[in-house]
N, C-alpha and C. Protein backbone atom coordinates (compact mmCIF):
# COMPACT_ATOMS: atom_id res chain seq x y z
N SER A 1 0.84 -1.20 0.00
CA SER A 1 0.00 0.00 0.00
C SER A 1 0.87 1.25 0.00
N ILE A 2 0.28 2.33 -0.37
CA ILE A 2 1.00 3.59 -0.51
C ILE A 2 1.53 4.08 0.84
N LEU A 3 0.76 3.81 1.90
CA LEU A 3 1.12 4.34 3.21
C LEU A 3 2.44 3.83 3.74
N VAL A 4 2.77 2.57 3.40
CA VAL A 4 3.90 1.94 4.05
C VAL A 4 5.23 2.35 3.42
N ARG A 5 5.21 2.68 2.13
CA ARG A 5 6.44 3.08 1.46
C ARG A 5 7.10 4.23 2.23
N THR A 6 8.38 4.13 2.48
CA THR A 6 9.03 5.23 3.17
C THR A 6 9.47 6.25 2.13
N HIS A 7 9.23 7.49 2.43
CA HIS A 7 9.58 8.55 1.50
C HIS A 7 10.92 9.12 1.89
N ALA A 8 11.81 9.23 0.91
CA ALA A 8 13.14 9.77 1.20
C ALA A 8 13.03 11.25 1.60
N ASN A 9 11.96 11.90 1.12
CA ASN A 9 11.86 13.34 1.35
C ASN A 9 11.06 13.71 2.59
N VAL A 10 10.98 12.80 3.56
CA VAL A 10 10.32 13.16 4.81
C VAL A 10 11.28 14.05 5.58
N ASN A 11 10.79 15.17 6.05
CA ASN A 11 11.65 16.11 6.73
C ASN A 11 11.97 15.66 8.15
N PRO A 12 13.25 15.70 8.53
CA PRO A 12 13.61 15.27 9.89
C PRO A 12 12.99 16.16 10.98
N LYS A 13 12.62 17.38 10.61
CA LYS A 13 11.99 18.28 11.58
C LYS A 13 10.53 17.89 11.85
N ALA A 14 10.01 17.00 11.02
CA ALA A 14 8.61 16.61 11.16
C ALA A 14 8.46 15.65 12.33
N TYR A 15 8.22 16.20 13.49
CA TYR A 15 8.07 15.40 14.70
C TYR A 15 6.84 15.86 15.44
N PRO A 16 6.02 15.00 15.99
CA PRO A 16 6.07 13.53 15.93
C PRO A 16 5.50 13.00 14.62
N LEU A 17 6.11 11.95 14.10
CA LEU A 17 5.68 11.35 12.85
C LEU A 17 4.89 10.07 13.13
N ALA A 18 3.69 9.99 12.58
CA ALA A 18 2.84 8.81 12.82
C ALA A 18 3.41 7.60 12.10
N ASN A 19 3.33 6.43 12.75
CA ASN A 19 3.72 5.20 12.07
C ASN A 19 2.61 4.79 11.10
N ALA A 20 2.83 3.69 10.38
CA ALA A 20 1.87 3.29 9.34
C ALA A 20 0.47 3.03 9.92
N HIS A 21 0.43 2.38 11.09
CA HIS A 21 -0.86 2.05 11.71
C HIS A 21 -1.62 3.32 12.10
N LEU A 22 -0.93 4.23 12.77
CA LEU A 22 -1.57 5.48 13.20
C LEU A 22 -1.93 6.34 11.99
N THR A 23 -1.08 6.32 10.99
CA THR A 23 -1.36 7.10 9.77
C THR A 23 -2.67 6.66 9.15
N LYS A 24 -2.89 5.33 9.09
CA LYS A 24 -4.13 4.83 8.52
C LYS A 24 -5.33 5.32 9.34
N LYS A 25 -5.22 5.23 10.67
CA LYS A 25 -6.30 5.69 11.54
C LYS A 25 -6.55 7.19 11.35
N LEU A 26 -5.45 7.95 11.26
CA LEU A 26 -5.55 9.40 11.08
C LEU A 26 -6.25 9.75 9.78
N LEU A 27 -5.78 9.12 8.69
CA LEU A 27 -6.34 9.45 7.38
C LEU A 27 -7.80 9.04 7.29
N ASP A 28 -8.15 7.91 7.92
CA ASP A 28 -9.56 7.50 7.98
C ASP A 28 -10.39 8.56 8.68
N LEU A 29 -9.87 9.03 9.81
CA LEU A 29 -10.61 10.02 10.60
C LEU A 29 -10.72 11.35 9.86
N VAL A 30 -9.64 11.74 9.19
CA VAL A 30 -9.67 12.97 8.40
C VAL A 30 -10.77 12.86 7.33
N GLN A 31 -10.82 11.69 6.68
CA GLN A 31 -11.82 11.46 5.64
C GLN A 31 -13.23 11.55 6.22
N GLN A 32 -13.46 10.93 7.37
CA GLN A 32 -14.78 10.99 7.99
C GLN A 32 -15.11 12.41 8.43
N SER A 33 -14.11 13.11 8.96
CA SER A 33 -14.32 14.50 9.39
C SER A 33 -14.75 15.35 8.21
N CYS A 34 -14.18 15.04 7.06
CA CYS A 34 -14.54 15.75 5.84
C CYS A 34 -16.02 15.50 5.53
N ASN A 35 -16.45 14.24 5.61
CA ASN A 35 -17.84 13.89 5.35
C ASN A 35 -18.79 14.55 6.34
N TYR A 36 -18.36 14.67 7.60
CA TYR A 36 -19.20 15.27 8.63
C TYR A 36 -19.02 16.78 8.73
N LYS A 37 -18.34 17.36 7.76
CA LYS A 37 -18.08 18.81 7.76
C LYS A 37 -17.37 19.25 9.04
N GLN A 38 -16.37 18.46 9.46
CA GLN A 38 -15.60 18.79 10.65
C GLN A 38 -14.13 18.93 10.30
N LEU A 39 -13.87 19.48 9.10
CA LEU A 39 -12.49 19.52 8.64
C LEU A 39 -12.20 20.85 7.98
N GLN A 40 -11.06 21.43 8.35
CA GLN A 40 -10.57 22.61 7.65
C GLN A 40 -9.27 22.22 6.96
N LYS A 41 -9.21 22.43 5.64
CA LYS A 41 -8.04 22.02 4.88
C LYS A 41 -7.11 23.21 4.67
N GLY A 42 -5.80 22.93 4.67
CA GLY A 42 -4.83 23.97 4.36
C GLY A 42 -4.28 24.62 5.62
N ALA A 43 -3.04 25.09 5.52
CA ALA A 43 -2.35 25.66 6.68
C ALA A 43 -3.08 26.91 7.20
N LYS A 44 -3.57 27.75 6.29
CA LYS A 44 -4.24 28.99 6.71
C LYS A 44 -5.48 28.69 7.54
N ASP A 45 -6.32 27.80 7.02
CA ASP A 45 -7.57 27.48 7.72
C ASP A 45 -7.31 26.72 9.02
N ALA A 46 -6.30 25.85 9.00
CA ALA A 46 -5.94 25.12 10.21
C ALA A 46 -5.51 26.11 11.29
N THR A 47 -4.75 27.12 10.88
CA THR A 47 -4.29 28.15 11.82
C THR A 47 -5.48 28.90 12.40
N LYS A 48 -6.44 29.22 11.55
CA LYS A 48 -7.64 29.94 12.02
C LYS A 48 -8.37 29.14 13.09
N THR A 49 -8.54 27.82 12.86
CA THR A 49 -9.27 27.01 13.83
C THR A 49 -8.52 26.97 15.17
N LEU A 50 -7.19 26.95 15.08
CA LEU A 50 -6.38 26.95 16.30
C LEU A 50 -6.60 28.23 17.09
N LYS A 51 -6.51 29.35 16.37
CA LYS A 51 -6.63 30.65 17.03
C LYS A 51 -8.02 30.87 17.61
N ARG A 52 -9.03 30.27 16.95
CA ARG A 52 -10.40 30.41 17.45
C ARG A 52 -10.73 29.39 18.52
N GLY A 53 -9.82 28.42 18.72
CA GLY A 53 -10.05 27.41 19.74
C GLY A 53 -11.11 26.39 19.35
N ILE A 54 -11.27 26.15 18.05
CA ILE A 54 -12.29 25.19 17.61
C ILE A 54 -11.66 23.95 16.98
N SER A 55 -10.37 23.73 17.24
CA SER A 55 -9.70 22.57 16.65
C SER A 55 -9.61 21.43 17.66
N GLU A 56 -9.74 20.18 17.17
CA GLU A 56 -9.54 19.00 18.02
C GLU A 56 -8.07 18.57 17.96
N PHE A 57 -7.54 18.54 16.75
CA PHE A 57 -6.11 18.29 16.56
C PHE A 57 -5.72 18.67 15.14
N ILE A 58 -4.42 18.77 14.91
CA ILE A 58 -3.88 19.21 13.62
C ILE A 58 -3.07 18.07 13.01
N VAL A 59 -3.27 17.85 11.72
CA VAL A 59 -2.46 16.87 10.99
C VAL A 59 -1.67 17.62 9.94
N MET A 60 -0.36 17.35 9.86
CA MET A 60 0.49 18.01 8.87
C MET A 60 1.24 16.97 8.05
N ALA A 61 1.66 17.36 6.86
CA ALA A 61 2.40 16.44 6.00
C ALA A 61 3.90 16.66 6.19
N ALA A 62 4.64 15.56 6.21
CA ALA A 62 6.08 15.64 6.49
C ALA A 62 6.92 15.78 5.23
N ASP A 63 6.28 15.63 4.06
CA ASP A 63 7.10 15.59 2.84
C ASP A 63 7.01 16.89 2.04
N HIS A 64 7.16 18.01 2.70
CA HIS A 64 7.21 19.28 1.99
C HIS A 64 8.14 20.17 2.78
N SER A 65 8.46 21.35 2.27
CA SER A 65 9.41 22.18 3.00
C SER A 65 8.75 22.72 4.27
N PRO A 66 9.33 22.41 5.41
CA PRO A 66 8.67 22.68 6.69
C PRO A 66 8.60 24.17 7.00
N GLU A 67 9.42 24.97 6.33
CA GLU A 67 9.44 26.40 6.61
C GLU A 67 8.03 26.97 6.50
N ILE A 68 7.23 26.43 5.56
CA ILE A 68 5.90 26.97 5.32
C ILE A 68 5.03 26.84 6.56
N ILE A 69 5.16 25.71 7.29
CA ILE A 69 4.27 25.53 8.44
C ILE A 69 5.04 25.34 9.74
N LEU A 70 6.27 25.82 9.80
CA LEU A 70 7.04 25.68 11.03
C LEU A 70 6.34 26.31 12.22
N TYR A 71 5.57 27.36 11.97
CA TYR A 71 4.89 28.06 13.06
C TYR A 71 3.76 27.21 13.65
N LEU A 72 3.23 26.25 12.86
CA LEU A 72 2.05 25.51 13.30
C LEU A 72 2.30 24.65 14.55
N PRO A 73 3.36 23.81 14.56
CA PRO A 73 3.61 23.04 15.80
C PRO A 73 3.81 23.95 17.01
N LEU A 74 4.46 25.09 16.80
CA LEU A 74 4.68 26.03 17.90
C LEU A 74 3.36 26.57 18.41
N LEU A 75 2.49 26.92 17.49
CA LEU A 75 1.18 27.43 17.85
C LEU A 75 0.38 26.35 18.57
N CYS A 76 0.49 25.10 18.08
CA CYS A 76 -0.21 23.99 18.72
C CYS A 76 0.25 23.83 20.16
N GLU A 77 1.57 23.91 20.36
CA GLU A 77 2.10 23.75 21.71
C GLU A 77 1.63 24.88 22.60
N ASP A 78 1.61 26.06 22.03
CA ASP A 78 1.14 27.24 22.73
C ASP A 78 -0.30 27.04 23.21
N LYS A 79 -1.12 26.42 22.35
CA LYS A 79 -2.55 26.26 22.65
C LYS A 79 -2.84 24.90 23.27
N ASN A 80 -1.78 24.12 23.57
CA ASN A 80 -1.96 22.79 24.14
C ASN A 80 -2.78 21.87 23.23
N MET A 81 -2.51 21.95 21.95
CA MET A 81 -3.30 21.23 20.96
C MET A 81 -2.48 20.06 20.41
N PRO A 82 -3.05 18.83 20.43
CA PRO A 82 -2.29 17.71 19.86
C PRO A 82 -2.08 17.91 18.35
N TYR A 83 -0.90 17.53 17.87
CA TYR A 83 -0.64 17.59 16.43
C TYR A 83 0.25 16.43 16.05
N VAL A 84 0.22 16.08 14.77
CA VAL A 84 0.98 14.93 14.33
C VAL A 84 1.29 15.08 12.84
N PHE A 85 2.37 14.47 12.41
CA PHE A 85 2.74 14.50 10.99
C PHE A 85 2.45 13.15 10.35
N VAL A 86 1.97 13.18 9.10
CA VAL A 86 1.88 11.96 8.30
C VAL A 86 2.90 12.12 7.17
N ARG A 87 3.30 10.99 6.57
CA ARG A 87 4.40 11.07 5.61
C ARG A 87 4.06 11.80 4.32
N SER A 88 2.81 11.67 3.86
CA SER A 88 2.53 12.10 2.50
C SER A 88 1.45 13.17 2.39
N LYS A 89 1.80 14.29 1.75
CA LYS A 89 0.81 15.36 1.53
C LYS A 89 -0.21 14.92 0.48
N GLN A 90 0.19 13.99 -0.39
CA GLN A 90 -0.72 13.48 -1.40
C GLN A 90 -1.82 12.64 -0.73
N ALA A 91 -1.40 11.76 0.19
CA ALA A 91 -2.36 10.93 0.92
C ALA A 91 -3.26 11.79 1.80
N LEU A 92 -2.68 12.84 2.39
CA LEU A 92 -3.47 13.73 3.24
C LEU A 92 -4.50 14.47 2.39
N GLY A 93 -4.10 14.88 1.20
CA GLY A 93 -5.02 15.54 0.28
C GLY A 93 -6.19 14.64 -0.09
N ARG A 94 -5.86 13.36 -0.41
CA ARG A 94 -6.91 12.41 -0.75
C ARG A 94 -7.87 12.22 0.41
N ALA A 95 -7.33 12.11 1.63
CA ALA A 95 -8.17 11.93 2.81
C ALA A 95 -9.06 13.16 3.01
N CYS A 96 -8.56 14.32 2.61
CA CYS A 96 -9.34 15.56 2.73
C CYS A 96 -10.36 15.70 1.60
N GLY A 97 -10.39 14.72 0.71
CA GLY A 97 -11.37 14.73 -0.36
C GLY A 97 -11.03 15.65 -1.52
N VAL A 98 -9.75 15.97 -1.68
CA VAL A 98 -9.34 16.79 -2.83
C VAL A 98 -8.24 16.05 -3.60
N SER A 99 -8.07 16.43 -4.86
CA SER A 99 -7.08 15.72 -5.67
C SER A 99 -5.69 16.35 -5.54
N ARG A 100 -5.61 17.49 -4.85
CA ARG A 100 -4.32 18.15 -4.71
C ARG A 100 -3.70 17.79 -3.36
N PRO A 101 -2.36 17.96 -3.27
CA PRO A 101 -1.72 17.68 -1.97
C PRO A 101 -2.17 18.70 -0.92
N VAL A 102 -2.30 18.26 0.32
CA VAL A 102 -2.66 19.15 1.43
C VAL A 102 -1.55 19.05 2.46
N ILE A 103 -1.01 20.19 2.90
CA ILE A 103 0.11 20.13 3.84
C ILE A 103 -0.32 20.23 5.29
N ALA A 104 -1.55 20.67 5.53
CA ALA A 104 -2.03 20.71 6.91
C ALA A 104 -3.55 20.72 6.91
N CYS A 105 -4.13 20.14 7.95
CA CYS A 105 -5.57 20.24 8.11
C CYS A 105 -5.90 20.17 9.58
N SER A 106 -7.10 20.61 9.90
CA SER A 106 -7.54 20.64 11.28
C SER A 106 -8.89 19.96 11.39
N VAL A 107 -8.98 19.00 12.31
CA VAL A 107 -10.28 18.40 12.61
C VAL A 107 -10.92 19.29 13.67
N THR A 108 -12.12 19.77 13.39
CA THR A 108 -12.73 20.78 14.25
C THR A 108 -13.76 20.19 15.21
N ILE A 109 -14.05 20.96 16.23
CA ILE A 109 -14.99 20.56 17.28
C ILE A 109 -16.41 20.72 16.74
N LYS A 110 -17.25 19.75 17.07
CA LYS A 110 -18.65 19.84 16.68
C LYS A 110 -19.50 19.22 17.77
N GLU A 111 -20.48 19.95 18.25
CA GLU A 111 -21.37 19.43 19.29
C GLU A 111 -22.02 18.13 18.83
N GLY A 112 -22.03 17.14 19.69
CA GLY A 112 -22.71 15.89 19.39
C GLY A 112 -22.14 15.13 18.20
N SER A 113 -20.88 15.32 17.94
CA SER A 113 -20.25 14.67 16.79
C SER A 113 -20.20 13.16 16.96
N GLN A 114 -20.46 12.44 15.86
CA GLN A 114 -20.37 10.98 15.89
C GLN A 114 -18.91 10.52 15.97
N LEU A 115 -18.00 11.43 15.74
CA LEU A 115 -16.58 11.04 15.66
C LEU A 115 -15.86 11.21 17.00
N LYS A 116 -16.62 11.61 18.03
CA LYS A 116 -16.01 11.97 19.32
C LYS A 116 -15.01 10.91 19.80
N GLN A 117 -15.43 9.63 19.83
CA GLN A 117 -14.57 8.58 20.37
C GLN A 117 -13.30 8.42 19.56
N GLN A 118 -13.46 8.44 18.22
CA GLN A 118 -12.28 8.29 17.37
C GLN A 118 -11.33 9.46 17.58
N ILE A 119 -11.92 10.65 17.72
CA ILE A 119 -11.09 11.85 17.91
C ILE A 119 -10.31 11.72 19.22
N GLN A 120 -10.98 11.29 20.28
CA GLN A 120 -10.29 11.16 21.57
C GLN A 120 -9.19 10.11 21.49
N SER A 121 -9.47 9.02 20.80
CA SER A 121 -8.47 7.96 20.65
C SER A 121 -7.23 8.49 19.92
N ILE A 122 -7.45 9.26 18.86
CA ILE A 122 -6.34 9.84 18.11
C ILE A 122 -5.58 10.85 18.97
N GLN A 123 -6.32 11.68 19.71
CA GLN A 123 -5.65 12.66 20.58
C GLN A 123 -4.72 11.96 21.56
N GLN A 124 -5.20 10.85 22.14
CA GLN A 124 -4.37 10.11 23.09
C GLN A 124 -3.15 9.51 22.39
N SER A 125 -3.36 8.95 21.19
CA SER A 125 -2.23 8.36 20.45
C SER A 125 -1.19 9.40 20.11
N THR A 126 -1.63 10.60 19.69
CA THR A 126 -0.66 11.62 19.30
C THR A 126 0.05 12.17 20.54
N GLU A 127 -0.66 12.26 21.65
CA GLU A 127 0.01 12.74 22.87
C GLU A 127 1.07 11.74 23.33
N ARG A 128 0.78 10.44 23.15
CA ARG A 128 1.78 9.42 23.53
C ARG A 128 3.05 9.56 22.69
N LEU A 129 2.90 9.97 21.44
CA LEU A 129 4.07 10.12 20.57
C LEU A 129 5.00 11.21 21.09
N LEU A 130 4.42 12.21 21.76
CA LEU A 130 5.20 13.36 22.19
C LEU A 130 5.97 13.12 23.48
N VAL A 131 5.68 12.00 24.15
CA VAL A 131 6.32 11.76 25.45
C VAL A 131 7.79 11.41 25.25
């Protein structure tokens, strides 16, 4: 599968990086969040959700120049927001329901969301990566 291939162009600054198992769970959840209208795609929109305090967690792609979103992990830490990197911006784009690569997205808070349990499970997994 596409997820398992290791990309030579994964940035070493991309920390924490999800393993193949967590990546699959993340991309599934991103896809469902998109269906439930609980997803903001792109670094700009992800930043907005962080600043407004309506983000559950942030997913970023590790295979692009990190300078573009270097501020995002810092902002996440500032706001105590879990964040994680996946290897491929192409896979992240597909999970976001677009044909273009996506370098960052934010799963947003929604009252009574059906995704609550999955979101909490992912938050715990990403926090464990940071220990």
